[in-house]
Amino acid sequence: MNRRLSARFQVELECAWAGIRSGQPVYGSTLNLGSGGALLRVDRGFGQEDLPAAGHTLTLHMALPANPSFGRRCLIARASVLRIDQSPFGPTYIAVAFGKKRFGEWPFKVMVQPPAFAELPILLM
């Protein structure tokens, strides 16, 4: 049963937020995006202490394509974490609902591309 009030679209944008404990940027990407929320993907490599839990509120920055006239901008949203799905061998998926949204400057110095799926080790049984 789909309980969403707004449509979601498959849009991959780089995103980041301050880690829960360290305050260091946690980088990921959106898998789908709508006016009411998003599904985020975070690859392994970030400490468990920096990932949010259901109920946490994040200031989520989603990078928009660069424009030669005004540089790199982003959509900034207050995002409430609805659920988090973790795998010991794969990425973590985080579903968020948006509160207030605005446009602003991309605040992070380094943008990290997640590794391609083909680069992940394959486990043989």
PDB file of N, CA and C in Angstrom:
ATOM      1  N   MET A   1       0.844  -1.180   0.000  1.00  0.00           N
ATOM      2  CA  MET A   1       0.000   0.000   0.000  1.00  0.00           C
ATOM      3  C   MET A   1       0.888   1.242   0.000  1.00  0.00           C
ATOM      4  N   ASN A   2       0.657   2.136  -0.906  1.00  0.00           N
ATOM      5  CA  ASN A   2       1.429   3.367  -1.008  1.00  0.00           C
ATOM      6  C   ASN A   2       0.734   4.453  -0.195  1.00  0.00           C
ATOM      7  N   ARG A   3       1.389   4.917   0.874  1.00  0.00           N
ATOM      8  CA  ARG A   3       0.809   5.935   1.750  1.00  0.00           C
ATOM      9  C   ARG A   3       1.353   7.320   1.475  1.00  0.00           C
ATOM     10  N   ARG A   4       2.135   7.486   0.416  1.00  0.00           N
ATOM     11  CA  ARG A   4       2.717   8.791   0.117  1.00  0.00           C
ATOM     12  C   ARG A   4       1.660   9.755  -0.388  1.00  0.00           C
ATOM     13  N   LEU A   5       1.804  11.000   0.039  1.00  0.00           N
ATOM     14  CA  LEU A   5       0.897  12.041  -0.418  1.00  0.00           C
ATOM     15  C   LEU A   5       1.402  12.730  -1.674  1.00  0.00           C
ATOM     16  N   SER A   6       2.699  12.600  -1.967  1.00  0.00           N
ATOM     17  CA  SER A   6       3.266  13.242  -3.151  1.00  0.00           C
ATOM     18  C   SER A   6       4.028  12.210  -3.975  1.00  0.00           C
ATOM     19  N   ALA A   7       4.127  12.450  -5.265  1.00  0.00           N
ATOM     20  CA  ALA A   7       4.822  11.543  -6.175  1.00  0.00           C
ATOM     21  C   ALA A   7       6.326  11.564  -5.906  1.00  0.00           C
ATOM     22  N   ARG A   8       6.991  10.448  -6.171  1.00  0.00           N
ATOM     23  CA  ARG A   8       8.442  10.361  -6.084  1.00  0.00           C
ATOM     24  C   ARG A   8       8.994  10.120  -7.476  1.00  0.00           C
ATOM     25  N   PHE A   9      10.171  10.670  -7.731  1.00  0.00           N
ATOM     26  CA  PHE A   9      10.826  10.532  -9.024  1.00  0.00           C
ATOM     27  C   PHE A   9      12.231  10.007  -8.805  1.00  0.00           C
ATOM     28  N   GLN A  10      12.693   9.142  -9.698  1.00  0.00           N
ATOM     29  CA  GLN A  10      14.049   8.620  -9.593  1.00  0.00           C
ATOM     30  C   GLN A  10      15.021   9.709 -10.017  1.00  0.00           C
ATOM     31  N   VAL A  11      15.628  10.323  -9.024  1.00  0.00           N
ATOM     32  CA  VAL A  11      16.578  11.413  -9.240  1.00  0.00           C
ATOM     33  C   VAL A  11      17.783  11.141  -8.355  1.00  0.00           C
ATOM     34  N   GLU A  12      18.969  11.067  -8.959  1.00  0.00           N
ATOM     35  CA  GLU A  12      20.175  10.839  -8.170  1.00  0.00           C
ATOM     36  C   GLU A  12      20.927  12.152  -8.012  1.00  0.00           C
ATOM     37  N   LEU A  13      20.951  12.642  -6.784  1.00  0.00           N
ATOM     38  CA  LEU A  13      21.688  13.860  -6.439  1.00  0.00           C
ATOM     39  C   LEU A  13      22.661  13.532  -5.318  1.00  0.00           C
ATOM     40  N   GLU A  14      23.831  14.127  -5.372  1.00  0.00           N
ATOM     41  CA  GLU A  14      24.750  13.989  -4.246  1.00  0.00           C
ATOM     42  C   GLU A  14      24.126  14.703  -3.057  1.00  0.00           C
ATOM     43  N   CYS A  15      24.310  14.130  -1.875  1.00  0.00           N
ATOM     44  CA  CYS A  15      23.760  14.780  -0.688  1.00  0.00           C
ATOM     45  C   CYS A  15      24.732  14.604   0.474  1.00  0.00           C
ATOM     46  N   ALA A  16      24.535  15.428   1.491  1.00  0.00           N
ATOM     47  CA  ALA A  16      25.398  15.370   2.675  1.00  0.00           C
ATOM     48  C   ALA A  16      24.669  15.991   3.850  1.00  0.00           C
ATOM     49  N   TRP A  17      25.084  15.577   5.039  1.00  0.00           N
ATOM     50  CA  TRP A  17      24.604  16.168   6.286  1.00  0.00           C
ATOM     51  C   TRP A  17      25.687  15.977   7.326  1.00  0.00           C
ATOM     52  N   ALA A  18      25.592  16.700   8.406  1.00  0.00           N
ATOM     53  CA  ALA A  18      26.577  16.588   9.485  1.00  0.00           C
ATOM     54  C   ALA A  18      26.320  15.305  10.251  1.00  0.00           C
ATOM     55  N   GLY A  19      27.385  14.534  10.489  1.00  0.00           N
ATOM     56  CA  GLY A  19      27.272  13.291  11.247  1.00  0.00           C
ATOM     57  C   GLY A  19      26.681  13.539  12.632  1.00  0.00           C
ATOM     58  N   ILE A  20      25.913  12.576  13.101  1.00  0.00           N
ATOM     59  CA  ILE A  20      25.192  12.713  14.366  1.00  0.00           C
ATOM     60  C   ILE A  20      26.131  12.992  15.535  1.00  0.00           C
ATOM     61  N   ARG A  21      27.248  12.278  15.632  1.00  0.00           N
ATOM     62  CA  ARG A  21      28.156  12.471  16.765  1.00  0.00           C
ATOM     63  C   ARG A  21      29.385  13.299  16.417  1.00  0.00           C
ATOM     64  N   SER A  22      29.999  13.010  15.248  1.00  0.00           N
ATOM     65  CA  SER A  22      31.268  13.674  14.927  1.00  0.00           C
ATOM     66  C   SER A  22      31.070  15.071  14.361  1.00  0.00           C
ATOM     67  N   GLY A  23      29.928  15.319  13.738  1.00  0.00           N
ATOM     68  CA  GLY A  23      29.714  16.597  13.076  1.00  0.00           C
ATOM     69  C   GLY A  23      30.383  16.681  11.711  1.00  0.00           C
ATOM     70  N   GLN A  24      31.160  15.639  11.344  1.00  0.00           N
ATOM     71  CA  GLN A  24      31.814  15.595  10.032  1.00  0.00           C
ATOM     72  C   GLN A  24      30.785  15.249   8.962  1.00  0.00           C
ATOM     73  N   PRO A  25      30.973  15.718   7.727  1.00  0.00           N
ATOM     74  CA  PRO A  25      29.993  15.427   6.677  1.00  0.00           C
ATOM     75  C   PRO A  25      29.856  13.932   6.406  1.00  0.00           C
ATOM     76  N   VAL A  26      28.629  13.490   6.252  1.00  0.00           N
ATOM     77  CA  VAL A  26      28.319  12.142   5.790  1.00  0.00           C
ATOM     78  C   VAL A  26      27.764  12.320   4.382  1.00  0.00           C
ATOM     79  N   TYR A  27      28.383  11.660   3.400  1.00  0.00           N
ATOM     80  CA  TYR A  27      28.001  11.826   2.003  1.00  0.00           C
ATOM     81  C   TYR A  27      27.182  10.639   1.533  1.00  0.00           C
ATOM     82  N   GLY A  28      26.228  10.916   0.688  1.00  0.00           N
ATOM     83  CA  GLY A  28      25.405   9.863   0.099  1.00  0.00           C
ATOM     84  C   GLY A  28      24.809  10.370  -1.192  1.00  0.00           C
ATOM     85  N   SER A  29      23.727   9.741  -1.604  1.00  0.00           N
ATOM     86  CA  SER A  29      23.010  10.176  -2.802  1.00  0.00           C
ATOM     87  C   SER A  29      21.531   9.860  -2.630  1.00  0.00           C
ATOM     88  N   THR A  30      20.707  10.611  -3.347  1.00  0.00           N
ATOM     89  CA  THR A  30      19.285  10.318  -3.338  1.00  0.00           C
ATOM     90  C   THR A  30      19.025   9.220  -4.365  1.00  0.00           C
ATOM     91  N   LEU A  31      18.097   8.329  -4.051  1.00  0.00           N
ATOM     92  CA  LEU A  31      17.646   7.329  -5.024  1.00  0.00           C
ATOM     93  C   LEU A  31      16.338   7.778  -5.653  1.00  0.00           C
ATOM     94  N   ASN A  32      15.490   8.364  -4.832  1.00  0.00           N
ATOM     95  CA  ASN A  32      14.278   8.980  -5.358  1.00  0.00           C
ATOM     96  C   ASN A  32      13.963  10.196  -4.517  1.00  0.00           C
ATOM     97  N   LEU A  33      13.188  11.092  -5.109  1.00  0.00           N
ATOM     98  CA  LEU A  33      12.971  12.401  -4.511  1.00  0.00           C
ATOM     99  C   LEU A  33      11.568  12.870  -4.844  1.00  0.00           C
ATOM    100  N   GLY A  34      10.899  13.455  -3.886  1.00  0.00           N
ATOM    101  CA  GLY A  34       9.586  14.049  -4.092  1.00  0.00           C
ATOM    102  C   GLY A  34       9.465  15.291  -3.239  1.00  0.00           C
ATOM    103  N   SER A  35       8.358  15.982  -3.347  1.00  0.00           N
ATOM    104  CA  SER A  35       8.208  17.205  -2.563  1.00  0.00           C
ATOM    105  C   SER A  35       8.068  16.904  -1.073  1.00  0.00           C
ATOM    106  N   GLY A  36       7.687  15.673  -0.726  1.00  0.00           N
ATOM    107  CA  GLY A  36       7.497  15.335   0.677  1.00  0.00           C
ATOM    108  C   GLY A  36       8.634  14.584   1.322  1.00  0.00           C
ATOM    109  N   GLY A  37       9.607  14.093   0.533  1.00  0.00           N
ATOM    110  CA  GLY A  37      10.697  13.332   1.135  1.00  0.00           C
ATOM    111  C   GLY A  37      11.592  12.699   0.099  1.00  0.00           C
ATOM    112  N   ALA A  38      12.487  11.814   0.585  1.00  0.00           N
ATOM    113  CA  ALA A  38      13.467  11.172  -0.294  1.00  0.00           C
ATOM    114  C   ALA A  38      13.916   9.852   0.301  1.00  0.00           C
ATOM    115  N   LEU A  39      14.482   9.019  -0.553  1.00  0.00           N
ATOM    116  CA  LEU A  39      15.180   7.823  -0.113  1.00  0.00           C
ATOM    117  C   LEU A  39      16.653   8.059  -0.401  1.00  0.00           C
ATOM    118  N   LEU A  40      17.489   7.920   0.626  1.00  0.00           N
ATOM    119  CA  LEU A  40      18.926   8.191   0.516  1.00  0.00           C
ATOM    120  C   LEU A  40      19.710   6.893   0.560  1.00  0.00           C
ATOM    121  N   ARG A  41      20.859   6.893  -0.074  1.00  0.00           N
ATOM    122  CA  ARG A  41      21.775   5.753  -0.041  1.00  0.00           C
ATOM    123  C   ARG A  41      23.114   6.241   0.488  1.00  0.00           C
ATOM    124  N   VAL A  42      23.637   5.538   1.486  1.00  0.00           N
ATOM    125  CA  VAL A  42      24.965   5.834   2.035  1.00  0.00           C
ATOM    126  C   VAL A  42      25.781   4.562   1.922  1.00  0.00           C
ATOM    127  N   ASP A  43      26.931   4.643   1.243  1.00  0.00           N
ATOM    128  CA  ASP A  43      27.782   3.470   1.120  1.00  0.00           C
ATOM    129  C   ASP A  43      28.555   3.240   2.404  1.00  0.00           C
ATOM    130  N   ARG A  44      29.060   2.019   2.538  1.00  0.00           N
ATOM    131  CA  ARG A  44      29.839   1.681   3.727  1.00  0.00           C
ATOM    132  C   ARG A  44      31.043   2.595   3.857  1.00  0.00           C
ATOM    133  N   GLY A  45      31.590   2.697   5.053  1.00  0.00           N
ATOM    134  CA  GLY A  45      32.773   3.518   5.251  1.00  0.00           C
ATOM    135  C   GLY A  45      32.535   4.626   6.249  1.00  0.00           C
ATOM    136  N   PHE A  46      31.285   4.851   6.618  1.00  0.00           N
ATOM    137  CA  PHE A  46      30.994   5.853   7.636  1.00  0.00           C
ATOM    138  C   PHE A  46      30.728   5.143   8.945  1.00  0.00           C
ATOM    139  N   GLY A  47      31.192   5.720  10.033  1.00  0.00           N
ATOM    140  CA  GLY A  47      31.014   5.115  11.336  1.00  0.00           C
ATOM    141  C   GLY A  47      29.543   5.012  11.716  1.00  0.00           C
ATOM    142  N   GLN A  48      29.210   3.948  12.383  1.00  0.00           N
ATOM    143  CA  GLN A  48      27.839   3.723  12.836  1.00  0.00           C
ATOM    144  C   GLN A  48      27.337   4.907  13.660  1.00  0.00           C
ATOM    145  N   GLU A  49      28.235   5.525  14.426  1.00  0.00           N
ATOM    146  CA  GLU A  49      27.829   6.635  15.288  1.00  0.00           C
ATOM    147  C   GLU A  49      27.392   7.870  14.513  1.00  0.00           C
ATOM    148  N   ASP A  50      27.769   7.964  13.235  1.00  0.00           N
ATOM    149  CA  ASP A  50      27.399   9.131  12.439  1.00  0.00           C
ATOM    150  C   ASP A  50      26.124   8.939  11.630  1.00  0.00           C
ATOM    151  N   LEU A  51      25.595   7.717  11.599  1.00  0.00           N
ATOM    152  CA  LEU A  51      24.346   7.488  10.889  1.00  0.00           C
ATOM    153  C   LEU A  51      23.171   7.808  11.810  1.00  0.00           C
ATOM    154  N   PRO A  52      22.118   8.388  11.266  1.00  0.00           N
ATOM    155  CA  PRO A  52      20.966   8.727  12.106  1.00  0.00           C
ATOM    156  C   PRO A  52      20.125   7.496  12.415  1.00  0.00           C
ATOM    157  N   ALA A  53      19.235   7.637  13.351  1.00  0.00           N
ATOM    158  CA  ALA A  53      18.245   6.609  13.675  1.00  0.00           C
ATOM    159  C   ALA A  53      16.873   7.193  13.375  1.00  0.00           C
ATOM    160  N   ALA A  54      15.884   6.332  13.300  1.00  0.00           N
ATOM    161  CA  ALA A  54      14.516   6.809  13.092  1.00  0.00           C
ATOM    162  C   ALA A  54      14.180   7.822  14.176  1.00  0.00           C
ATOM    163  N   GLY A  55      13.601   8.939  13.757  1.00  0.00           N
ATOM    164  CA  GLY A  55      13.251   9.996  14.695  1.00  0.00           C
ATOM    165  C   GLY A  55      14.215  11.163  14.714  1.00  0.00           C
ATOM    166  N   HIS A  56      15.462  10.944  14.261  1.00  0.00           N
ATOM    167  CA  HIS A  56      16.418  12.052  14.196  1.00  0.00           C
ATOM    168  C   HIS A  56      15.983  13.060  13.137  1.00  0.00           C
ATOM    169  N   THR A  57      16.393  14.307  13.326  1.00  0.00           N
ATOM    170  CA  THR A  57      16.162  15.352  12.332  1.00  0.00           C
ATOM    171  C   THR A  57      17.514  15.815  11.809  1.00  0.00           C
ATOM    172  N   LEU A  58      17.638  15.868  10.481  1.00  0.00           N
ATOM    173  CA  LEU A  58      18.876  16.270   9.824  1.00  0.00           C
ATOM    174  C   LEU A  58      18.654  17.554   9.034  1.00  0.00           C
ATOM    175  N   THR A  59      19.731  18.284   8.816  1.00  0.00           N
ATOM    176  CA  THR A  59      19.716  19.345   7.814  1.00  0.00           C
ATOM    177  C   THR A  59      20.398  18.739   6.601  1.00  0.00           C
ATOM    178  N   LEU A  60      19.595  18.343   5.633  1.00  0.00           N
ATOM    179  CA  LEU A  60      20.059  17.612   4.465  1.00  0.00           C
ATOM    180  C   LEU A  60      20.334  18.586   3.321  1.00  0.00           C
ATOM    181  N   HIS A  61      21.532  18.465   2.726  1.00  0.00           N
ATOM    182  CA  HIS A  61      21.927  19.286   1.577  1.00  0.00           C
ATOM    183  C   HIS A  61      21.974  18.385   0.358  1.00  0.00           C
ATOM    184  N   MET A  62      21.193  18.720  -0.688  1.00  0.00           N
ATOM    185  CA  MET A  62      21.161  17.944  -1.922  1.00  0.00           C
ATOM    186  C   MET A  62      21.694  18.817  -3.053  1.00  0.00           C
ATOM    187  N   ALA A  63      22.840  18.416  -3.603  1.00  0.00           N
ATOM    188  CA  ALA A  63      23.535  19.232  -4.611  1.00  0.00           C
ATOM    189  C   ALA A  63      22.775  19.250  -5.922  1.00  0.00           C
ATOM    190  N   LEU A  64      22.590  20.436  -6.453  1.00  0.00           N
ATOM    191  CA  LEU A  64      21.965  20.619  -7.755  1.00  0.00           C
ATOM    192  C   LEU A  64      23.051  20.743  -8.809  1.00  0.00           C
ATOM    193  N   PRO A  65      22.732  20.483 -10.081  1.00  0.00           N
ATOM    194  CA  PRO A  65      23.754  20.629 -11.127  1.00  0.00           C
ATOM    195  C   PRO A  65      24.349  22.037 -11.121  1.00  0.00           C
ATOM    196  N   ALA A  66      25.654  22.101 -11.338  1.00  0.00           N
ATOM    197  CA  ALA A  66      26.350  23.397 -11.345  1.00  0.00           C
ATOM    198  C   ALA A  66      25.857  24.254 -12.508  1.00  0.00           C
ATOM    199  N   ASN A  67      25.840  25.549 -12.278  1.00  0.00           N
ATOM    200  CA  ASN A  67      25.437  26.510 -13.291  1.00  0.00           C
ATOM    201  C   ASN A  67      26.586  27.495 -13.461  1.00  0.00           C
ATOM    202  N   PRO A  68      27.038  27.753 -14.698  1.00  0.00           N
ATOM    203  CA  PRO A  68      28.175  28.659 -14.883  1.00  0.00           C
ATOM    204  C   PRO A  68      27.902  30.087 -14.408  1.00  0.00           C
ATOM    205  N   SER A  69      26.640  30.472 -14.325  1.00  0.00           N
ATOM    206  CA  SER A  69      26.311  31.837 -13.896  1.00  0.00           C
ATOM    207  C   SER A  69      26.427  32.030 -12.393  1.00  0.00           C
ATOM    208  N   PHE A  70      26.026  31.016 -11.611  1.00  0.00           N
ATOM    209  CA  PHE A  70      26.051  31.224 -10.161  1.00  0.00           C
ATOM    210  C   PHE A  70      26.658  30.074  -9.372  1.00  0.00           C
ATOM    211  N   GLY A  71      27.330  29.127 -10.026  1.00  0.00           N
ATOM    212  CA  GLY A  71      28.069  28.086  -9.319  1.00  0.00           C
ATOM    213  C   GLY A  71      27.196  26.973  -8.768  1.00  0.00           C
ATOM    214  N   ARG A  72      27.723  26.306  -7.751  1.00  0.00           N
ATOM    215  CA  ARG A  72      27.066  25.132  -7.174  1.00  0.00           C
ATOM    216  C   ARG A  72      26.049  25.544  -6.123  1.00  0.00           C
ATOM    217  N   ARG A  73      24.818  25.143  -6.291  1.00  0.00           N
ATOM    218  CA  ARG A  73      23.738  25.409  -5.332  1.00  0.00           C
ATOM    219  C   ARG A  73      23.185  24.083  -4.840  1.00  0.00           C
ATOM    220  N   CYS A  74      22.378  24.156  -3.807  1.00  0.00           N
ATOM    221  CA  CYS A  74      21.766  22.940  -3.308  1.00  0.00           C
ATOM    222  C   CYS A  74      20.391  23.230  -2.737  1.00  0.00           C
ATOM    223  N   LEU A  75      19.610  22.174  -2.631  1.00  0.00           N
ATOM    224  CA  LEU A  75      18.334  22.216  -1.944  1.00  0.00           C
ATOM    225  C   LEU A  75      18.626  21.799  -0.516  1.00  0.00           C
ATOM    226  N   ILE A  76      18.236  22.615   0.437  1.00  0.00           N
ATOM    227  CA  ILE A  76      18.481  22.348   1.859  1.00  0.00           C
ATOM    228  C   ILE A  76      17.133  22.065   2.500  1.00  0.00           C
ATOM    229  N   ALA A  77      17.038  20.941   3.187  1.00  0.00           N
ATOM    230  CA  ALA A  77      15.766  20.568   3.807  1.00  0.00           C
ATOM    231  C   ALA A  77      15.981  20.078   5.228  1.00  0.00           C
ATOM    232  N   ARG A  78      15.057  20.443   6.110  1.00  0.00           N
ATOM    233  CA  ARG A  78      14.981  19.795   7.421  1.00  0.00           C
ATOM    234  C   ARG A  78      14.334  18.454   7.151  1.00  0.00           C
ATOM    235  N   ALA A  79      15.015  17.368   7.474  1.00  0.00           N
ATOM    236  CA  ALA A  79      14.556  16.034   7.114  1.00  0.00           C
ATOM    237  C   ALA A  79      14.419  15.176   8.364  1.00  0.00           C
ATOM    238  N   SER A  80      13.238  14.630   8.565  1.00  0.00           N
ATOM    239  CA  SER A  80      12.998  13.705   9.673  1.00  0.00           C
ATOM    240  C   SER A  80      13.221  12.286   9.167  1.00  0.00           C
ATOM    241  N   VAL A  81      14.046  11.529   9.883  1.00  0.00           N
ATOM    242  CA  VAL A  81      14.343  10.154   9.477  1.00  0.00           C
ATOM    243  C   VAL A  81      13.150   9.269   9.848  1.00  0.00           C
ATOM    244  N   LEU A  82      12.582   8.628   8.820  1.00  0.00           N
ATOM    245  CA  LEU A  82      11.437   7.747   9.032  1.00  0.00           C
ATOM    246  C   LEU A  82      11.881   6.325   9.315  1.00  0.00           C
ATOM    247  N   ARG A  83      12.839   5.842   8.535  1.00  0.00           N
ATOM    248  CA  ARG A  83      13.370   4.494   8.757  1.00  0.00           C
ATOM    249  C   ARG A  83      14.769   4.412   8.186  1.00  0.00           C
ATOM    250  N   ILE A  84      15.509   3.421   8.675  1.00  0.00           N
ATOM    251  CA  ILE A  84      16.870   3.188   8.198  1.00  0.00           C
ATOM    252  C   ILE A  84      17.041   1.682   8.016  1.00  0.00           C
ATOM    253  N   ASP A  85      17.522   1.286   6.840  1.00  0.00           N
ATOM    254  CA  ASP A  85      17.752  -0.129   6.523  1.00  0.00           C
ATOM    255  C   ASP A  85      19.240  -0.318   6.307  1.00  0.00           C
ATOM    256  N   GLN A  86      19.864  -1.109   7.199  1.00  0.00           N
ATOM    257  CA  GLN A  86      21.309  -1.322   7.127  1.00  0.00           C
ATOM    258  C   GLN A  86      21.615  -2.751   6.729  1.00  0.00           C
ATOM    259  N   SER A  87      22.690  -2.914   5.976  1.00  0.00           N
ATOM    260  CA  SER A  87      23.186  -4.223   5.589  1.00  0.00           C
ATOM    261  C   SER A  87      24.656  -4.294   5.966  1.00  0.00           C
ATOM    262  N   PRO A  88      25.118  -5.423   6.517  1.00  0.00           N
ATOM    263  CA  PRO A  88      26.541  -5.494   6.874  1.00  0.00           C
ATOM    264  C   PRO A  88      27.457  -5.508   5.658  1.00  0.00           C
ATOM    265  N   PHE A  89      26.928  -5.837   4.472  1.00  0.00           N
ATOM    266  CA  PHE A  89      27.771  -5.958   3.284  1.00  0.00           C
ATOM    267  C   PHE A  89      27.465  -4.935   2.210  1.00  0.00           C
ATOM    268  N   GLY A  90      26.442  -4.150   2.378  1.00  0.00           N
ATOM    269  CA  GLY A  90      26.066  -3.218   1.332  1.00  0.00           C
ATOM    270  C   GLY A  90      25.769  -1.847   1.889  1.00  0.00           C
ATOM    271  N   PRO A  91      25.114  -1.034   1.079  1.00  0.00           N
ATOM    272  CA  PRO A  91      24.815   0.336   1.496  1.00  0.00           C
ATOM    273  C   PRO A  91      23.707   0.383   2.552  1.00  0.00           C
ATOM    274  N   THR A  92      23.584   1.546   3.160  1.00  0.00           N
ATOM    275  CA  THR A  92      22.504   1.833   4.100  1.00  0.00           C
ATOM    276  C   THR A  92      21.498   2.713   3.368  1.00  0.00           C
ATOM    277  N   TYR A  93      20.225   2.414   3.553  1.00  0.00           N
ATOM    278  CA  TYR A  93      19.155   3.200   2.948  1.00  0.00           C
ATOM    279  C   TYR A  93      18.416   3.941   4.045  1.00  0.00           C
ATOM    280  N   ILE A  94      18.175   5.234   3.818  1.00  0.00           N
ATOM    281  CA  ILE A  94      17.531   6.084   4.818  1.00  0.00           C
ATOM    282  C   ILE A  94      16.344   6.778   4.159  1.00  0.00           C
ATOM    283  N   ALA A  95      15.153   6.574   4.710  1.00  0.00           N
ATOM    284  CA  ALA A  95      13.952   7.253   4.206  1.00  0.00           C
ATOM    285  C   ALA A  95      13.711   8.480   5.074  1.00  0.00           C
ATOM    286  N   VAL A  96      13.523   9.629   4.435  1.00  0.00           N
ATOM    287  CA  VAL A  96      13.306  10.878   5.168  1.00  0.00           C
ATOM    288  C   VAL A  96      12.060  11.594   4.658  1.00  0.00           C
ATOM    289  N   ALA A  97      11.435  12.332   5.562  1.00  0.00           N
ATOM    290  CA  ALA A  97      10.315  13.219   5.210  1.00  0.00           C
ATOM    291  C   ALA A  97      10.818  14.648   5.374  1.00  0.00           C
ATOM    292  N   PHE A  98      10.461  15.512   4.425  1.00  0.00           N
ATOM    293  CA  PHE A  98      10.932  16.885   4.448  1.00  0.00           C
ATOM    294  C   PHE A  98      10.009  17.779   5.266  1.00  0.00           C
ATOM    295  N   GLY A  99      10.645  18.699   5.984  1.00  0.00           N
ATOM    296  CA  GLY A  99       9.954  19.817   6.603  1.00  0.00           C
ATOM    297  C   GLY A  99      10.222  21.032   5.734  1.00  0.00           C
ATOM    298  N   LYS A 100      10.755  22.091   6.345  1.00  0.00           N
ATOM    299  CA  LYS A 100      11.084  23.317   5.603  1.00  0.00           C
ATOM    300  C   LYS A 100      12.177  23.053   4.584  1.00  0.00           C
ATOM    301  N   LYS A 101      12.042  23.685   3.408  1.00  0.00           N
ATOM    302  CA  LYS A 101      13.036  23.558   2.344  1.00  0.00           C
ATOM    303  C   LYS A 101      13.407  24.952   1.852  1.00  0.00           C
ATOM    304  N   ARG A 102      14.670  25.061   1.378  1.00  0.00           N
ATOM    305  CA  ARG A 102      15.117  26.321   0.780  1.00  0.00           C
ATOM    306  C   ARG A 102      16.301  26.009  -0.131  1.00  0.00           C
ATOM    307  N   PHE A 103      16.664  26.965  -0.962  1.00  0.00           N
ATOM    308  CA  PHE A 103      17.849  26.831  -1.800  1.00  0.00           C
ATOM    309  C   PHE A 103      18.992  27.597  -1.162  1.00  0.00           C
ATOM    310  N   GLY A 104      20.210  27.106  -1.345  1.00  0.00           N
ATOM    311  CA  GLY A 104      21.374  27.783  -0.779  1.00  0.00           C
ATOM    312  C   GLY A 104      22.651  27.311  -1.444  1.00  0.00           C
ATOM    313  N   GLU A 105      23.764  27.736  -0.882  1.00  0.00           N
ATOM    314  CA  GLU A 105      25.091  27.367  -1.375  1.00  0.00           C
ATOM    315  C   GLU A 105      25.446  25.958  -0.886  1.00  0.00           C
ATOM    316  N   TRP A 106      26.228  25.221  -1.686  1.00  0.00           N
ATOM    317  CA  TRP A 106      26.756  23.927  -1.262  1.00  0.00           C
ATOM    318  C   TRP A 106      27.853  24.202  -0.243  1.00  0.00           C
ATOM    319  N   PRO A 107      27.685  23.784   1.038  1.00  0.00           N
ATOM    320  CA  PRO A 107      28.623  24.189   2.089  1.00  0.00           C
ATOM    321  C   PRO A 107      29.851  23.301   2.242  1.00  0.00           C
ATOM    322  N   PHE A 108      29.889  22.162   1.578  1.00  0.00           N
ATOM    323  CA  PHE A 108      30.965  21.209   1.800  1.00  0.00           C
ATOM    324  C   PHE A 108      32.063  21.386   0.765  1.00  0.00           C
ATOM    325  N   LYS A 109      33.303  21.232   1.190  1.00  0.00           N
ATOM    326  CA  LYS A 109      34.452  21.464   0.316  1.00  0.00           C
ATOM    327  C   LYS A 109      34.674  20.302  -0.654  1.00  0.00           C
ATOM    328  N   VAL A 110      34.513  19.089  -0.166  1.00  0.00           N
ATOM    329  CA  VAL A 110      34.820  17.903  -0.957  1.00  0.00           C
ATOM    330  C   VAL A 110      33.532  17.159  -1.246  1.00  0.00           C
ATOM    331  N   MET A 111      33.382  16.755  -2.497  1.00  0.00           N
ATOM    332  CA  MET A 111      32.228  15.936  -2.857  1.00  0.00           C
ATOM    333  C   MET A 111      32.754  14.553  -3.202  1.00  0.00           C
ATOM    334  N   VAL A 112      32.200  13.542  -2.584  1.00  0.00           N
ATOM    335  CA  VAL A 112      32.680  12.176  -2.736  1.00  0.00           C
ATOM    336  C   VAL A 112      31.712  11.404  -3.610  1.00  0.00           C
ATOM    337  N   GLN A 113      32.235  10.744  -4.647  1.00  0.00           N
ATOM    338  CA  GLN A 113      31.412   9.868  -5.469  1.00  0.00           C
ATOM    339  C   GLN A 113      31.391   8.502  -4.816  1.00  0.00           C
ATOM    340  N   PRO A 114      30.212   7.911  -4.617  1.00  0.00           N
ATOM    341  CA  PRO A 114      30.186   6.555  -4.081  1.00  0.00           C
ATOM    342  C   PRO A 114      30.809   5.585  -5.082  1.00  0.00           C
ATOM    343  N   PRO A 115      31.454   4.501  -4.605  1.00  0.00           N
ATOM    344  CA  PRO A 115      32.063   3.563  -5.536  1.00  0.00           C
ATOM    345  C   PRO A 115      31.001   2.891  -6.386  1.00  0.00           C
ATOM    346  N   ALA A 116      31.378   2.565  -7.617  1.00  0.00           N
ATOM    347  CA  ALA A 116      30.457   1.853  -8.503  1.00  0.00           C
ATOM    348  C   ALA A 116      30.202   0.467  -7.936  1.00  0.00           C
ATOM    349  N   PHE A 117      29.041  -0.064  -8.209  1.00  0.00           N
ATOM    350  CA  PHE A 117      28.672  -1.373  -7.674  1.00  0.00           C
ATOM    351  C   PHE A 117      29.689  -2.431  -8.080  1.00  0.00           C
ATOM    352  N   ALA A 118      30.250  -2.335  -9.287  1.00  0.00           N
ATOM    353  CA  ALA A 118      31.208  -3.304  -9.771  1.00  0.00           C
ATOM    354  C   ALA A 118      32.499  -3.287  -8.954  1.00  0.00           C
ATOM    355  N   GLU A 119      32.779  -2.215  -8.218  1.00  0.00           N
ATOM    356  CA  GLU A 119      34.012  -2.111  -7.431  1.00  0.00           C
ATOM    357  C   GLU A 119      33.899  -2.808  -6.085  1.00  0.00           C
ATOM    358  N   LEU A 120      32.673  -3.168  -5.663  1.00  0.00           N
ATOM    359  CA  LEU A 120      32.496  -3.810  -4.380  1.00  0.00           C
ATOM    360  C   LEU A 120      32.964  -5.254  -4.463  1.00  0.00           C
ATOM    361  N   PRO A 121      33.551  -5.808  -3.381  1.00  0.00           N
ATOM    362  CA  PRO A 121      34.024  -7.194  -3.425  1.00  0.00           C
ATOM    363  C   PRO A 121      32.853  -8.153  -3.562  1.00  0.00           C
ATOM    364  N   ILE A 122      33.102  -9.237  -4.263  1.00  0.00           N
ATOM    365  CA  ILE A 122      32.081 -10.266  -4.445  1.00  0.00           C
ATOM    366  C   ILE A 122      32.423 -11.411  -3.505  1.00  0.00           C
ATOM    367  N   LEU A 123      31.451 -11.836  -2.730  1.00  0.00           N
ATOM    368  CA  LEU A 123      31.648 -12.934  -1.799  1.00  0.00           C
ATOM    369  C   LEU A 123      31.181 -14.227  -2.461  1.00  0.00           C
ATOM    370  N   LEU A 124      32.055 -15.219  -2.504  1.00  0.00           N
ATOM    371  CA  LEU A 124      31.714 -16.510  -3.099  1.00  0.00           C
ATOM    372  C   LEU A 124      31.389 -17.494  -1.994  1.00  0.00           C
ATOM    373  N   MET A 125      30.382 -18.259  -2.224  1.00  0.00           N
ATOM    374  CA  MET A 125      29.980 -19.261  -1.219  1.00  0.00           C
ATOM    375  C   MET A 125      30.564 -20.614  -1.582  1.00  0.00           C
TER     376      MET A 125
END
